[in-house]
């Protein structure tokens, strides 16, 4: 055990976060996402939801300041009447993290899957909310932060 590391961050997840470099992406996937068949590196966080993992990760993880949007969500499929309420929670978590953030990038479903295939890692969760998948692009540690 170490101080100040939320217990939801497993040693495996911490290793992945530390290995990632500037511009690498990590996907926090909901329970419906085909994480095992898409991931280059799969980290299991069964029993946990995406919001609590997102909040814990953002304590350590700098978002990329050199792109317009360092956080991406899967767009609602046209014709689907779902209105993802979890996005409001994500906006709050990212906004309160202290990272520069203006808005999410919205990515079409199949384009999201392709982007996830290229991601450094995918964290599989038990999140039950629909359209709860989120991609974070890693930035650099700014001096003094």
C-alpha atoms as a PDB file:
ATOM      1  CA  UNK A   1       0.000   0.000   0.000  1.00  0.00           C
ATOM      2  CA  UNK A   2       1.023   3.569  -0.631  1.00  0.00           C
ATOM      3  CA  UNK A   3      -0.318   6.846   0.732  1.00  0.00           C
ATOM      4  CA  UNK A   4      -2.667   9.058  -1.236  1.00  0.00           C
ATOM      5  CA  UNK A   5      -3.421   6.470  -3.924  1.00  0.00           C
ATOM      6  CA  UNK A   6      -7.113   5.630  -4.065  1.00  0.00           C
ATOM      7  CA  UNK A   7      -7.604   1.885  -3.455  1.00  0.00           C
ATOM      8  CA  UNK A   8      -9.576   1.637  -6.716  1.00  0.00           C
ATOM      9  CA  UNK A   9      -6.264   2.152  -8.564  1.00  0.00           C
ATOM     10  CA  UNK A  10      -4.824  -1.351  -8.763  1.00  0.00           C
ATOM     11  CA  UNK A  11      -1.083  -1.919  -9.147  1.00  0.00           C
ATOM     12  CA  UNK A  12      -1.738  -3.007 -12.738  1.00  0.00           C
ATOM     13  CA  UNK A  13      -3.683   0.174 -13.543  1.00  0.00           C
ATOM     14  CA  UNK A  14      -1.012   2.355 -11.901  1.00  0.00           C
ATOM     15  CA  UNK A  15       1.672   0.635 -13.996  1.00  0.00           C
ATOM     16  CA  UNK A  16      -0.310   1.299 -17.189  1.00  0.00           C
ATOM     17  CA  UNK A  17      -0.872   4.957 -16.288  1.00  0.00           C
ATOM     18  CA  UNK A  18       2.844   5.381 -15.599  1.00  0.00           C
ATOM     19  CA  UNK A  19       3.902   3.623 -18.813  1.00  0.00           C
ATOM     20  CA  UNK A  20       1.713   5.818 -20.984  1.00  0.00           C
ATOM     21  CA  UNK A  21       3.367   8.729 -22.742  1.00  0.00           C
ATOM     22  CA  UNK A  22       2.194  12.059 -24.128  1.00  0.00           C
ATOM     23  CA  UNK A  23      -0.585  11.499 -26.652  1.00  0.00           C
ATOM     24  CA  UNK A  24      -1.351   7.924 -25.575  1.00  0.00           C
ATOM     25  CA  UNK A  25      -5.008   7.207 -24.905  1.00  0.00           C
ATOM     26  CA  UNK A  26      -6.809   5.088 -22.343  1.00  0.00           C
ATOM     27  CA  UNK A  27     -10.439   3.964 -22.586  1.00  0.00           C
ATOM     28  CA  UNK A  28     -12.656   3.611 -19.537  1.00  0.00           C
ATOM     29  CA  UNK A  29     -15.249   1.195 -20.855  1.00  0.00           C
ATOM     30  CA  UNK A  30     -18.740   0.488 -19.605  1.00  0.00           C
ATOM     31  CA  UNK A  31     -19.999  -3.046 -19.010  1.00  0.00           C
ATOM     32  CA  UNK A  32     -21.443  -3.350 -22.536  1.00  0.00           C
ATOM     33  CA  UNK A  33     -18.241  -2.387 -24.361  1.00  0.00           C
ATOM     34  CA  UNK A  34     -16.390  -5.239 -26.165  1.00  0.00           C
ATOM     35  CA  UNK A  35     -13.237  -4.500 -24.168  1.00  0.00           C
ATOM     36  CA  UNK A  36     -11.635  -7.949 -24.297  1.00  0.00           C
ATOM     37  CA  UNK A  37     -11.939  -8.264 -28.065  1.00  0.00           C
ATOM     38  CA  UNK A  38     -10.743  -4.711 -28.761  1.00  0.00           C
ATOM     39  CA  UNK A  39      -7.977  -4.078 -26.202  1.00  0.00           C
ATOM     40  CA  UNK A  40      -4.238  -4.214 -26.807  1.00  0.00           C
ATOM     41  CA  UNK A  41      -3.880  -4.159 -23.008  1.00  0.00           C
ATOM     42  CA  UNK A  42      -6.894  -4.955 -20.831  1.00  0.00           C
ATOM     43  CA  UNK A  43      -7.235  -3.947 -17.187  1.00  0.00           C
ATOM     44  CA  UNK A  44     -10.221  -5.351 -15.285  1.00  0.00           C
ATOM     45  CA  UNK A  45     -11.976  -3.130 -12.766  1.00  0.00           C
ATOM     46  CA  UNK A  46     -14.988  -5.336 -12.211  1.00  0.00           C
ATOM     47  CA  UNK A  47     -17.454  -4.148  -9.610  1.00  0.00           C
ATOM     48  CA  UNK A  48     -16.630  -0.493 -10.191  1.00  0.00           C
ATOM     49  CA  UNK A  49     -18.244   2.230 -12.244  1.00  0.00           C
ATOM     50  CA  UNK A  50     -16.559   4.604 -14.644  1.00  0.00           C
ATOM     51  CA  UNK A  51     -17.128   7.819 -12.606  1.00  0.00           C
ATOM     52  CA  UNK A  52     -15.217   6.586  -9.556  1.00  0.00           C
ATOM     53  CA  UNK A  53     -12.337   5.325 -11.717  1.00  0.00           C
ATOM     54  CA  UNK A  54     -12.273   8.555 -13.741  1.00  0.00           C
ATOM     55  CA  UNK A  55     -12.111  10.635 -10.572  1.00  0.00           C
ATOM     56  CA  UNK A  56      -9.280   8.508  -9.139  1.00  0.00           C
ATOM     57  CA  UNK A  57      -7.250   8.541 -12.373  1.00  0.00           C
ATOM     58  CA  UNK A  58      -7.487  12.307 -12.791  1.00  0.00           C
ATOM     59  CA  UNK A  59      -5.674  12.767  -9.467  1.00  0.00           C
ATOM     60  CA  UNK A  60      -2.497  11.646 -11.291  1.00  0.00           C
ATOM     61  CA  UNK A  61      -3.192  11.777 -15.011  1.00  0.00           C
ATOM     62  CA  UNK A  62      -2.496  15.001 -16.914  1.00  0.00           C
ATOM     63  CA  UNK A  63      -4.787  15.620 -19.873  1.00  0.00           C
ATOM     64  CA  UNK A  64      -3.224  16.650 -23.186  1.00  0.00           C
ATOM     65  CA  UNK A  65      -3.240  20.457 -23.348  1.00  0.00           C
ATOM     66  CA  UNK A  66      -2.041  20.510 -26.965  1.00  0.00           C
ATOM     67  CA  UNK A  67      -5.235  19.153 -28.500  1.00  0.00           C
ATOM     68  CA  UNK A  68      -8.616  20.836 -28.738  1.00  0.00           C
ATOM     69  CA  UNK A  69     -10.375  18.074 -26.779  1.00  0.00           C
ATOM     70  CA  UNK A  70      -8.459  15.566 -24.648  1.00  0.00           C
ATOM     71  CA  UNK A  71     -11.608  13.738 -23.510  1.00  0.00           C
ATOM     72  CA  UNK A  72     -13.863  11.848 -25.927  1.00  0.00           C
ATOM     73  CA  UNK A  73     -17.241  10.168 -25.571  1.00  0.00           C
ATOM     74  CA  UNK A  74     -19.119   7.751 -27.811  1.00  0.00           C
ATOM     75  CA  UNK A  75     -21.923   9.635 -29.578  1.00  0.00           C
ATOM     76  CA  UNK A  76     -25.468   8.386 -29.260  1.00  0.00           C
ATOM     77  CA  UNK A  77     -26.332   6.282 -32.299  1.00  0.00           C
ATOM     78  CA  UNK A  78     -28.730   8.173 -34.610  1.00  0.00           C
ATOM     79  CA  UNK A  79     -32.283   7.069 -33.926  1.00  0.00           C
ATOM     80  CA  UNK A  80     -31.489   5.968 -30.355  1.00  0.00           C
ATOM     81  CA  UNK A  81     -33.582   7.985 -27.877  1.00  0.00           C
ATOM     82  CA  UNK A  82     -31.106   7.484 -25.011  1.00  0.00           C
ATOM     83  CA  UNK A  83     -30.062  10.680 -23.254  1.00  0.00           C
ATOM     84  CA  UNK A  84     -26.855   9.803 -21.356  1.00  0.00           C
ATOM     85  CA  UNK A  85     -27.185  11.426 -17.944  1.00  0.00           C
ATOM     86  CA  UNK A  86     -23.742  10.143 -16.913  1.00  0.00           C
ATOM     87  CA  UNK A  87     -22.113  12.728 -19.194  1.00  0.00           C
ATOM     88  CA  UNK A  88     -23.127  15.477 -16.755  1.00  0.00           C
ATOM     89  CA  UNK A  89     -21.263  13.615 -13.998  1.00  0.00           C
ATOM     90  CA  UNK A  90     -18.197  13.243 -16.261  1.00  0.00           C
ATOM     91  CA  UNK A  91     -18.276  16.976 -17.019  1.00  0.00           C
ATOM     92  CA  UNK A  92     -18.283  17.712 -13.297  1.00  0.00           C
ATOM     93  CA  UNK A  93     -15.445  15.268 -12.520  1.00  0.00           C
ATOM     94  CA  UNK A  94     -13.210  16.526 -15.327  1.00  0.00           C
ATOM     95  CA  UNK A  95     -14.040  20.150 -14.531  1.00  0.00           C
ATOM     96  CA  UNK A  96     -13.168  19.698 -10.858  1.00  0.00           C
ATOM     97  CA  UNK A  97      -9.897  17.898 -11.663  1.00  0.00           C
ATOM     98  CA  UNK A  98      -8.043  21.147 -12.296  1.00  0.00           C
ATOM     99  CA  UNK A  99      -7.176  20.074 -15.849  1.00  0.00           C
ATOM    100  CA  UNK A 100      -7.833  22.445 -18.739  1.00  0.00           C
ATOM    101  CA  UNK A 101     -11.170  21.354 -20.181  1.00  0.00           C
ATOM    102  CA  UNK A 102     -13.681  23.053 -22.447  1.00  0.00           C
ATOM    103  CA  UNK A 103     -15.837  20.259 -23.840  1.00  0.00           C
ATOM    104  CA  UNK A 104     -15.944  16.648 -24.912  1.00  0.00           C
ATOM    105  CA  UNK A 105     -15.176  15.309 -28.350  1.00  0.00           C
ATOM    106  CA  UNK A 106     -18.068  13.159 -29.563  1.00  0.00           C
ATOM    107  CA  UNK A 107     -17.062  10.146 -31.648  1.00  0.00           C
ATOM    108  CA  UNK A 108     -19.386   8.014 -33.792  1.00  0.00           C
ATOM    109  CA  UNK A 109     -19.818   4.462 -32.439  1.00  0.00           C
ATOM    110  CA  UNK A 110     -17.711   2.517 -34.970  1.00  0.00           C
ATOM    111  CA  UNK A 111     -15.066   5.256 -35.108  1.00  0.00           C
ATOM    112  CA  UNK A 112     -14.925   5.004 -31.301  1.00  0.00           C
ATOM    113  CA  UNK A 113     -14.295   1.246 -31.569  1.00  0.00           C
ATOM    114  CA  UNK A 114     -11.464   1.869 -34.057  1.00  0.00           C
ATOM    115  CA  UNK A 115      -9.929   4.499 -31.808  1.00  0.00           C
ATOM    116  CA  UNK A 116     -10.223   2.124 -28.842  1.00  0.00           C
ATOM    117  CA  UNK A 117      -8.320  -0.547 -30.799  1.00  0.00           C
ATOM    118  CA  UNK A 118      -5.402   1.897 -31.063  1.00  0.00           C
ATOM    119  CA  UNK A 119      -5.602   2.988 -27.416  1.00  0.00           C
ATOM    120  CA  UNK A 120      -2.734   2.124 -25.113  1.00  0.00           C
ATOM    121  CA  UNK A 121      -5.140   0.303 -22.804  1.00  0.00           C
ATOM    122  CA  UNK A 122      -8.786  -0.311 -22.019  1.00  0.00           C
ATOM    123  CA  UNK A 123     -10.144  -0.443 -18.484  1.00  0.00           C
ATOM    124  CA  UNK A 124     -13.171  -2.774 -18.358  1.00  0.00           C
ATOM    125  CA  UNK A 125     -15.679  -1.753 -15.693  1.00  0.00           C
ATOM    126  CA  UNK A 126     -19.085  -2.876 -14.490  1.00  0.00           C
ATOM    127  CA  UNK A 127     -20.646   0.487 -15.369  1.00  0.00           C
ATOM    128  CA  UNK A 128     -24.281  -0.071 -16.340  1.00  0.00           C
ATOM    129  CA  UNK A 129     -25.077   3.391 -17.724  1.00  0.00           C
ATOM    130  CA  UNK A 130     -25.487   3.483 -21.497  1.00  0.00           C
ATOM    131  CA  UNK A 131     -22.957   5.474 -23.550  1.00  0.00           C
ATOM    132  CA  UNK A 132     -20.637   5.602 -20.540  1.00  0.00           C
ATOM    133  CA  UNK A 133     -17.410   4.914 -22.492  1.00  0.00           C
ATOM    134  CA  UNK A 134     -14.791   7.644 -22.262  1.00  0.00           C
ATOM    135  CA  UNK A 135     -11.337   8.156 -23.784  1.00  0.00           C
ATOM    136  CA  UNK A 136      -8.611  10.193 -22.063  1.00  0.00           C
ATOM    137  CA  UNK A 137      -5.576  11.484 -23.967  1.00  0.00           C
ATOM    138  CA  UNK A 138      -2.504  11.797 -21.764  1.00  0.00           C
ATOM    139  CA  UNK A 139      -0.609  15.043 -21.596  1.00  0.00           C
ATOM    140  CA  UNK A 140       2.634  16.118 -20.006  1.00  0.00           C
ATOM    141  CA  UNK A 141       3.351  17.118 -16.419  1.00  0.00           C
ATOM    142  CA  UNK A 142       3.515  20.903 -16.349  1.00  0.00           C
ATOM    143  CA  UNK A 143       6.248  22.480 -14.206  1.00  0.00           C
ATOM    144  CA  UNK A 144       4.964  23.306 -10.736  1.00  0.00           C
ATOM    145  CA  UNK A 145       2.003  20.922 -10.888  1.00  0.00           C
END
